[in-house]
Amino acid sequence: MESFFATLKCERVHHQIYQTRQDARTDLFYYIEAYNRRGLHSALGYLSPEAFEQAYYWRRRVMP
């Protein structure tokens, strides 16, 4: 989790100037959504969270 926040700060927060708190929330929401679709995670076998979840449910259907 700490590496995620380091990545978030490095890739996004430190390069933006937000006019309002709502602007920051909106931008970070979309960043996190994209990160969860593309970001590879060592704890998940270098899959994105989305791919890991799909594989998990596929395995549950295949294996009783």
N, C-alpha and C. Protein backbone atom coordinates (compact mmCIF):
# COMPACT_ATOMS: atom_id res chain seq x y z
N MET A 1 0.82 -1.19 0.00
CA MET A 1 0.00 0.00 0.00
C MET A 1 0.87 1.26 0.00
N GLU A 2 1.99 1.21 0.73
CA GLU A 2 2.87 2.37 0.77
C GLU A 2 3.44 2.68 -0.60
N SER A 3 3.76 1.65 -1.38
CA SER A 3 4.32 1.90 -2.71
C SER A 3 3.29 2.55 -3.62
N PHE A 4 2.02 2.21 -3.42
CA PHE A 4 0.97 2.85 -4.22
C PHE A 4 0.94 4.34 -3.95
N PHE A 5 0.96 4.72 -2.68
CA PHE A 5 0.90 6.15 -2.35
C PHE A 5 2.16 6.89 -2.82
N ALA A 6 3.31 6.21 -2.79
CA ALA A 6 4.53 6.82 -3.32
C ALA A 6 4.38 7.05 -4.83
N THR A 7 3.83 6.07 -5.53
CA THR A 7 3.60 6.20 -6.96
C THR A 7 2.60 7.31 -7.25
N LEU A 8 1.52 7.34 -6.49
CA LEU A 8 0.49 8.37 -6.66
C LEU A 8 1.10 9.76 -6.51
N LYS A 9 1.87 9.95 -5.47
CA LYS A 9 2.49 11.26 -5.25
C LYS A 9 3.47 11.61 -6.36
N CYS A 10 4.30 10.64 -6.73
CA CYS A 10 5.33 10.89 -7.73
C CYS A 10 4.74 11.15 -9.11
N GLU A 11 3.77 10.33 -9.51
CA GLU A 11 3.21 10.44 -10.87
C GLU A 11 2.14 11.51 -11.00
N ARG A 12 1.48 11.85 -9.90
CA ARG A 12 0.32 12.72 -10.05
C ARG A 12 0.37 13.96 -9.17
N VAL A 13 0.39 13.78 -7.89
CA VAL A 13 0.18 14.90 -6.96
C VAL A 13 1.27 15.96 -7.09
N HIS A 14 2.51 15.54 -7.20
CA HIS A 14 3.61 16.50 -7.24
C HIS A 14 3.69 17.26 -8.56
N HIS A 15 2.91 16.85 -9.55
CA HIS A 15 2.95 17.50 -10.86
C HIS A 15 1.69 18.31 -11.15
N GLN A 16 0.83 18.44 -10.17
CA GLN A 16 -0.45 19.12 -10.37
C GLN A 16 -0.61 20.27 -9.38
N ILE A 17 -1.31 21.28 -9.82
CA ILE A 17 -1.77 22.34 -8.91
C ILE A 17 -3.28 22.35 -9.04
N TYR A 18 -3.94 22.03 -7.96
CA TYR A 18 -5.39 21.94 -7.97
C TYR A 18 -6.00 23.25 -7.47
N GLN A 19 -7.02 23.70 -8.18
CA GLN A 19 -7.69 24.94 -7.80
C GLN A 19 -8.58 24.75 -6.58
N THR A 20 -9.21 23.57 -6.52
CA THR A 20 -10.11 23.29 -5.40
C THR A 20 -9.87 21.87 -4.90
N ARG A 21 -10.35 21.60 -3.72
CA ARG A 21 -10.26 20.25 -3.17
C ARG A 21 -11.04 19.27 -4.04
N GLN A 22 -12.17 19.72 -4.57
CA GLN A 22 -12.97 18.85 -5.45
C GLN A 22 -12.21 18.51 -6.72
N ASP A 23 -11.47 19.46 -7.28
CA ASP A 23 -10.64 19.17 -8.45
C ASP A 23 -9.62 18.08 -8.13
N ALA A 24 -9.01 18.17 -6.97
CA ALA A 24 -8.04 17.16 -6.55
C ALA A 24 -8.71 15.80 -6.40
N ARG A 25 -9.85 15.76 -5.74
CA ARG A 25 -10.57 14.49 -5.55
C ARG A 25 -10.93 13.86 -6.88
N THR A 26 -11.44 14.65 -7.79
CA THR A 26 -11.85 14.14 -9.10
C THR A 26 -10.65 13.60 -9.86
N ASP A 27 -9.57 14.36 -9.89
CA ASP A 27 -8.37 13.92 -10.60
C ASP A 27 -7.81 12.64 -9.99
N LEU A 28 -7.74 12.57 -8.68
CA LEU A 28 -7.20 11.38 -8.02
C LEU A 28 -8.11 10.17 -8.20
N PHE A 29 -9.41 10.39 -8.23
CA PHE A 29 -10.35 9.30 -8.49
C PHE A 29 -10.06 8.67 -9.85
N TYR A 30 -9.91 9.50 -10.88
CA TYR A 30 -9.65 8.97 -12.21
C TYR A 30 -8.27 8.34 -12.32
N TYR A 31 -7.29 8.89 -11.60
CA TYR A 31 -5.97 8.28 -11.58
C TYR A 31 -6.04 6.88 -10.96
N ILE A 32 -6.73 6.75 -9.85
CA ILE A 32 -6.84 5.45 -9.17
C ILE A 32 -7.59 4.46 -10.03
N GLU A 33 -8.64 4.89 -10.69
CA GLU A 33 -9.38 4.01 -11.59
C GLU A 33 -8.46 3.48 -12.70
N ALA A 34 -7.67 4.35 -13.30
CA ALA A 34 -6.74 3.94 -14.36
C ALA A 34 -5.66 3.04 -13.80
N TYR A 35 -5.15 3.36 -12.62
CA TYR A 35 -4.11 2.55 -11.99
C TYR A 35 -4.60 1.14 -11.73
N ASN A 36 -5.82 1.02 -11.29
CA ASN A 36 -6.37 -0.30 -11.01
C ASN A 36 -6.60 -1.12 -12.27
N ARG A 37 -6.70 -0.48 -13.39
CA ARG A 37 -6.88 -1.21 -14.64
C ARG A 37 -5.54 -1.59 -15.27
N ARG A 38 -4.51 -0.74 -15.09
CA ARG A 38 -3.24 -0.96 -15.79
C ARG A 38 -2.09 -1.35 -14.87
N GLY A 39 -2.15 -0.95 -13.61
CA GLY A 39 -1.02 -1.12 -12.72
C GLY A 39 -0.72 -2.58 -12.39
N LEU A 40 0.53 -3.00 -12.61
CA LEU A 40 0.93 -4.36 -12.29
C LEU A 40 1.44 -4.39 -10.85
N HIS A 41 1.08 -5.45 -10.13
CA HIS A 41 1.42 -5.53 -8.72
C HIS A 41 2.14 -6.84 -8.43
N SER A 42 3.29 -6.74 -7.80
CA SER A 42 4.08 -7.93 -7.50
C SER A 42 3.30 -8.89 -6.59
N ALA A 43 2.53 -8.37 -5.67
CA ALA A 43 1.76 -9.22 -4.75
C ALA A 43 0.67 -10.00 -5.49
N LEU A 44 0.32 -9.58 -6.68
CA LEU A 44 -0.72 -10.24 -7.46
C LEU A 44 -0.13 -11.01 -8.64
N GLY A 45 1.13 -11.39 -8.52
CA GLY A 45 1.77 -12.12 -9.62
C GLY A 45 1.99 -11.25 -10.84
N TYR A 46 2.24 -9.98 -10.62
CA TYR A 46 2.46 -9.00 -11.69
C TYR A 46 1.27 -8.89 -12.64
N LEU A 47 0.09 -8.99 -12.06
CA LEU A 47 -1.16 -8.71 -12.78
C LEU A 47 -1.73 -7.41 -12.26
N SER A 48 -2.58 -6.78 -13.06
CA SER A 48 -3.31 -5.63 -12.55
C SER A 48 -4.40 -6.14 -11.62
N PRO A 49 -4.90 -5.33 -10.70
CA PRO A 49 -5.98 -5.78 -9.84
C PRO A 49 -7.19 -6.28 -10.63
N GLU A 50 -7.49 -5.60 -11.73
CA GLU A 50 -8.62 -6.02 -12.56
C GLU A 50 -8.39 -7.40 -13.16
N ALA A 51 -7.20 -7.64 -13.71
CA ALA A 51 -6.87 -8.94 -14.30
C ALA A 51 -6.84 -10.03 -13.23
N PHE A 52 -6.32 -9.70 -12.06
CA PHE A 52 -6.27 -10.67 -10.96
C PHE A 52 -7.68 -11.08 -10.55
N GLU A 53 -8.57 -10.11 -10.43
CA GLU A 53 -9.95 -10.40 -10.05
C GLU A 53 -10.63 -11.27 -11.11
N GLN A 54 -10.42 -10.96 -12.37
CA GLN A 54 -11.02 -11.77 -13.44
C GLN A 54 -10.50 -13.20 -13.38
N ALA A 55 -9.19 -13.37 -13.19
CA ALA A 55 -8.61 -14.71 -13.10
C ALA A 55 -9.14 -15.45 -11.89
N TYR A 56 -9.31 -14.76 -10.80
CA TYR A 56 -9.84 -15.37 -9.57
C TYR A 56 -11.23 -15.94 -9.82
N TYR A 57 -12.12 -15.13 -10.38
CA TYR A 57 -13.48 -15.60 -10.62
C TYR A 57 -13.53 -16.68 -11.69
N TRP A 58 -12.66 -16.61 -12.69
CA TRP A 58 -12.61 -17.65 -13.71
C TRP A 58 -12.21 -18.97 -13.08
N ARG A 59 -11.18 -18.96 -12.21
CA ARG A 59 -10.75 -20.17 -11.54
C ARG A 59 -11.85 -20.75 -10.64
N ARG A 60 -12.60 -19.90 -10.02
CA ARG A 60 -13.70 -20.39 -9.15
C ARG A 60 -14.78 -21.08 -9.96
N ARG A 61 -15.03 -20.60 -11.18
CA ARG A 61 -16.03 -21.24 -12.03
C ARG A 61 -15.53 -22.56 -12.57
N VAL A 62 -14.26 -22.62 -12.91
CA VAL A 62 -13.67 -23.83 -13.51
C VAL A 62 -13.46 -24.90 -12.46
N MET A 63 -12.99 -24.51 -11.31
CA MET A 63 -12.68 -25.48 -10.24
C MET A 63 -13.79 -25.48 -9.20
N PRO A 64 -14.44 -26.61 -9.01
CA PRO A 64 -15.55 -26.65 -8.03
C PRO A 64 -15.08 -26.51 -6.61
